N, C-alpha and C. Protein backbone atom coordinates (compact mmCIF):
# COMPACT_ATOMS: atom_id res chain seq x y z
N MET A 1 32.86 -15.78 -2.89
CA MET A 1 31.74 -15.28 -2.11
C MET A 1 30.53 -16.15 -2.39
N ASN A 2 30.13 -16.93 -1.38
CA ASN A 2 28.95 -17.76 -1.58
C ASN A 2 27.77 -17.31 -0.72
N GLY A 3 28.02 -16.44 0.26
CA GLY A 3 26.93 -15.91 1.06
C GLY A 3 26.40 -16.84 2.14
N THR A 4 26.97 -18.02 2.26
CA THR A 4 26.54 -18.96 3.28
C THR A 4 27.72 -19.30 4.18
N TYR A 5 27.52 -19.15 5.47
CA TYR A 5 28.60 -19.40 6.44
C TYR A 5 28.06 -20.26 7.57
N GLN A 6 28.90 -21.08 8.11
CA GLN A 6 28.56 -21.90 9.27
C GLN A 6 29.25 -21.31 10.49
N THR A 7 28.51 -21.22 11.58
CA THR A 7 29.09 -20.76 12.84
C THR A 7 28.34 -21.45 13.97
N THR A 8 28.84 -21.33 15.15
CA THR A 8 28.24 -21.98 16.31
C THR A 8 28.05 -20.95 17.42
N VAL A 9 26.96 -21.06 18.12
CA VAL A 9 26.73 -20.18 19.26
C VAL A 9 27.65 -20.66 20.39
N GLY A 10 28.42 -19.73 20.91
CA GLY A 10 29.38 -20.05 21.96
C GLY A 10 28.82 -19.81 23.34
N ASP A 11 29.73 -19.82 24.32
CA ASP A 11 29.31 -19.64 25.70
C ASP A 11 28.66 -18.26 25.86
N ARG A 12 27.70 -18.18 26.70
CA ARG A 12 26.92 -16.96 26.97
C ARG A 12 26.22 -16.42 25.72
N GLY A 13 25.97 -17.28 24.73
CA GLY A 13 25.21 -16.89 23.55
C GLY A 13 26.00 -16.10 22.52
N ARG A 14 27.29 -16.10 22.63
CA ARG A 14 28.11 -15.33 21.69
C ARG A 14 28.14 -16.01 20.33
N LEU A 15 28.13 -15.18 19.31
CA LEU A 15 28.14 -15.65 17.94
C LEU A 15 29.34 -15.03 17.23
N VAL A 16 30.16 -15.86 16.61
CA VAL A 16 31.31 -15.35 15.88
C VAL A 16 30.94 -15.24 14.40
N ILE A 17 31.07 -14.03 13.87
CA ILE A 17 30.80 -13.81 12.45
C ILE A 17 32.14 -13.94 11.73
N PRO A 18 32.22 -14.81 10.72
CA PRO A 18 33.49 -15.03 10.03
C PRO A 18 34.10 -13.72 9.51
N ALA A 19 35.43 -13.63 9.57
CA ALA A 19 36.15 -12.40 9.20
C ALA A 19 35.82 -11.94 7.79
N GLU A 20 35.75 -12.87 6.84
CA GLU A 20 35.46 -12.50 5.45
C GLU A 20 34.11 -11.77 5.35
N LEU A 21 33.11 -12.28 6.05
CA LEU A 21 31.78 -11.67 6.03
C LEU A 21 31.80 -10.32 6.77
N ARG A 22 32.49 -10.26 7.92
CA ARG A 22 32.60 -8.99 8.65
C ARG A 22 33.22 -7.92 7.78
N ASP A 23 34.27 -8.29 7.07
CA ASP A 23 34.96 -7.32 6.21
C ASP A 23 34.04 -6.82 5.09
N ARG A 24 33.37 -7.73 4.42
CA ARG A 24 32.50 -7.34 3.31
C ARG A 24 31.31 -6.51 3.79
N ALA A 25 30.79 -6.84 4.98
CA ALA A 25 29.62 -6.13 5.51
C ALA A 25 30.00 -4.87 6.27
N GLY A 26 31.30 -4.64 6.45
CA GLY A 26 31.74 -3.45 7.17
C GLY A 26 31.45 -3.52 8.66
N LEU A 27 31.41 -4.71 9.20
CA LEU A 27 31.14 -4.89 10.63
C LEU A 27 32.44 -4.77 11.41
N THR A 28 32.45 -3.83 12.35
CA THR A 28 33.62 -3.66 13.21
C THR A 28 33.15 -3.74 14.66
N GLU A 29 34.09 -3.80 15.56
CA GLU A 29 33.73 -3.86 16.98
C GLU A 29 32.86 -2.66 17.33
N GLY A 30 31.75 -2.93 17.98
CA GLY A 30 30.84 -1.87 18.38
C GLY A 30 29.71 -1.60 17.39
N THR A 31 29.73 -2.26 16.22
CA THR A 31 28.65 -2.07 15.25
C THR A 31 27.34 -2.55 15.86
N ALA A 32 26.33 -1.69 15.85
CA ALA A 32 25.01 -2.06 16.37
C ALA A 32 24.32 -2.99 15.39
N LEU A 33 23.81 -4.10 15.89
CA LEU A 33 23.10 -5.06 15.06
C LEU A 33 21.71 -5.31 15.64
N THR A 34 20.76 -5.61 14.76
CA THR A 34 19.40 -5.94 15.17
C THR A 34 19.10 -7.34 14.71
N LEU A 35 18.56 -8.16 15.61
CA LEU A 35 18.12 -9.50 15.27
C LEU A 35 16.61 -9.49 15.14
N ILE A 36 16.11 -9.98 14.02
CA ILE A 36 14.67 -10.02 13.78
C ILE A 36 14.26 -11.47 13.62
N GLU A 37 13.30 -11.88 14.43
CA GLU A 37 12.78 -13.25 14.33
C GLU A 37 11.66 -13.25 13.28
N THR A 38 11.81 -14.09 12.27
CA THR A 38 10.80 -14.22 11.22
C THR A 38 10.34 -15.67 11.16
N PRO A 39 9.25 -15.95 10.48
CA PRO A 39 8.82 -17.35 10.33
C PRO A 39 9.89 -18.21 9.66
N ALA A 40 10.71 -17.60 8.81
CA ALA A 40 11.74 -18.36 8.09
C ALA A 40 13.03 -18.51 8.89
N GLY A 41 13.19 -17.77 9.98
CA GLY A 41 14.41 -17.84 10.77
C GLY A 41 14.79 -16.49 11.32
N VAL A 42 16.02 -16.37 11.78
CA VAL A 42 16.51 -15.14 12.39
C VAL A 42 17.30 -14.36 11.34
N VAL A 43 17.03 -13.06 11.26
CA VAL A 43 17.73 -12.19 10.32
C VAL A 43 18.55 -11.20 11.14
N LEU A 44 19.78 -11.00 10.75
CA LEU A 44 20.68 -10.08 11.44
C LEU A 44 20.93 -8.90 10.51
N LEU A 45 20.66 -7.68 10.99
CA LEU A 45 20.80 -6.47 10.17
C LEU A 45 21.56 -5.39 10.91
N THR A 46 22.31 -4.60 10.16
CA THR A 46 22.90 -3.40 10.75
C THR A 46 21.80 -2.34 10.80
N ARG A 47 22.02 -1.29 11.54
CA ARG A 47 21.03 -0.22 11.64
C ARG A 47 20.70 0.38 10.27
N PRO A 48 21.70 0.70 9.42
CA PRO A 48 21.37 1.23 8.10
C PRO A 48 20.57 0.23 7.24
N GLN A 49 20.89 -1.06 7.36
CA GLN A 49 20.13 -2.06 6.61
C GLN A 49 18.68 -2.11 7.09
N LEU A 50 18.48 -2.02 8.41
CA LEU A 50 17.12 -2.04 8.96
C LEU A 50 16.35 -0.79 8.51
N GLN A 51 17.01 0.36 8.55
CA GLN A 51 16.35 1.60 8.10
C GLN A 51 15.93 1.49 6.64
N ALA A 52 16.81 0.95 5.80
CA ALA A 52 16.49 0.79 4.38
C ALA A 52 15.32 -0.16 4.19
N LEU A 53 15.28 -1.23 4.98
CA LEU A 53 14.19 -2.19 4.89
C LEU A 53 12.86 -1.55 5.28
N VAL A 54 12.86 -0.80 6.37
CA VAL A 54 11.63 -0.13 6.82
C VAL A 54 11.18 0.91 5.80
N ARG A 55 12.13 1.68 5.29
CA ARG A 55 11.77 2.69 4.28
C ARG A 55 11.18 2.03 3.03
N ALA A 56 11.75 0.91 2.61
CA ALA A 56 11.22 0.21 1.44
C ALA A 56 9.81 -0.30 1.71
N ASP A 57 9.57 -0.80 2.92
CA ASP A 57 8.23 -1.30 3.27
C ASP A 57 7.21 -0.17 3.31
N LEU A 58 7.64 1.03 3.69
CA LEU A 58 6.73 2.16 3.82
C LEU A 58 6.63 3.01 2.55
N ALA A 59 7.46 2.72 1.56
CA ALA A 59 7.47 3.51 0.33
C ALA A 59 6.09 3.50 -0.31
N GLY A 60 5.67 4.67 -0.73
CA GLY A 60 4.39 4.79 -1.41
C GLY A 60 3.19 4.92 -0.49
N LEU A 61 3.40 4.77 0.80
CA LEU A 61 2.30 4.93 1.75
C LEU A 61 2.18 6.38 2.17
N ASP A 62 0.97 6.86 2.33
CA ASP A 62 0.73 8.21 2.81
C ASP A 62 0.18 8.11 4.23
N LEU A 63 1.07 7.84 5.16
CA LEU A 63 0.65 7.62 6.54
C LEU A 63 0.03 8.86 7.16
N VAL A 64 0.55 10.02 6.85
CA VAL A 64 -0.01 11.25 7.39
C VAL A 64 -1.41 11.47 6.84
N GLY A 65 -1.57 11.26 5.54
CA GLY A 65 -2.89 11.40 4.92
C GLY A 65 -3.90 10.44 5.51
N GLU A 66 -3.47 9.19 5.73
CA GLU A 66 -4.36 8.20 6.33
C GLU A 66 -4.76 8.60 7.75
N LEU A 67 -3.81 9.08 8.53
CA LEU A 67 -4.10 9.51 9.90
C LEU A 67 -5.07 10.69 9.91
N LEU A 68 -4.82 11.66 9.04
CA LEU A 68 -5.72 12.81 8.97
C LEU A 68 -7.13 12.40 8.57
N ALA A 69 -7.24 11.48 7.62
CA ALA A 69 -8.56 11.01 7.19
C ALA A 69 -9.28 10.32 8.35
N GLU A 70 -8.56 9.50 9.11
CA GLU A 70 -9.15 8.83 10.27
C GLU A 70 -9.63 9.85 11.30
N ARG A 71 -8.81 10.87 11.56
CA ARG A 71 -9.18 11.89 12.55
C ARG A 71 -10.41 12.67 12.10
N ARG A 72 -10.48 12.95 10.80
CA ARG A 72 -11.65 13.68 10.28
C ARG A 72 -12.91 12.84 10.44
N GLU A 73 -12.80 11.54 10.15
CA GLU A 73 -13.95 10.65 10.31
C GLU A 73 -14.40 10.60 11.77
N GLU A 74 -13.42 10.50 12.68
CA GLU A 74 -13.75 10.47 14.11
C GLU A 74 -14.42 11.78 14.55
N ALA A 75 -13.90 12.90 14.07
CA ALA A 75 -14.45 14.21 14.43
C ALA A 75 -15.88 14.34 13.87
N ALA A 76 -16.09 13.87 12.66
CA ALA A 76 -17.43 13.93 12.06
C ALA A 76 -18.40 13.06 12.83
N ALA A 77 -17.94 11.88 13.27
CA ALA A 77 -18.82 10.98 14.04
C ALA A 77 -19.16 11.59 15.38
N GLU A 78 -18.21 12.26 16.02
CA GLU A 78 -18.46 12.92 17.30
C GLU A 78 -19.42 14.09 17.15
N ALA A 79 -19.33 14.79 16.03
CA ALA A 79 -20.20 15.94 15.79
C ALA A 79 -21.64 15.52 15.61
N VAL A 80 -21.87 14.31 15.10
CA VAL A 80 -23.22 13.80 14.88
C VAL A 80 -23.86 13.40 16.21
N GLU A 81 -23.04 12.97 17.14
CA GLU A 81 -23.57 12.48 18.43
C GLU A 81 -24.18 13.55 19.23
């Protein structure tokens, strides 16, 4: 397992993922994949991998608290007007 594979984009943009990688990643026919364009290149993720990535990025954030604070500030500013 080296984690690096070579493949070529085929006709109509099809991409063949090598069998060894498909097996290890649990990719079967019909598996939903997401392609993300980044400055470093294209990243291919399964839905659970994408969910884990988003959850990790949002960990520790209090989005509801931030939204409520913003709404309170807006309401206070409107009350002054």
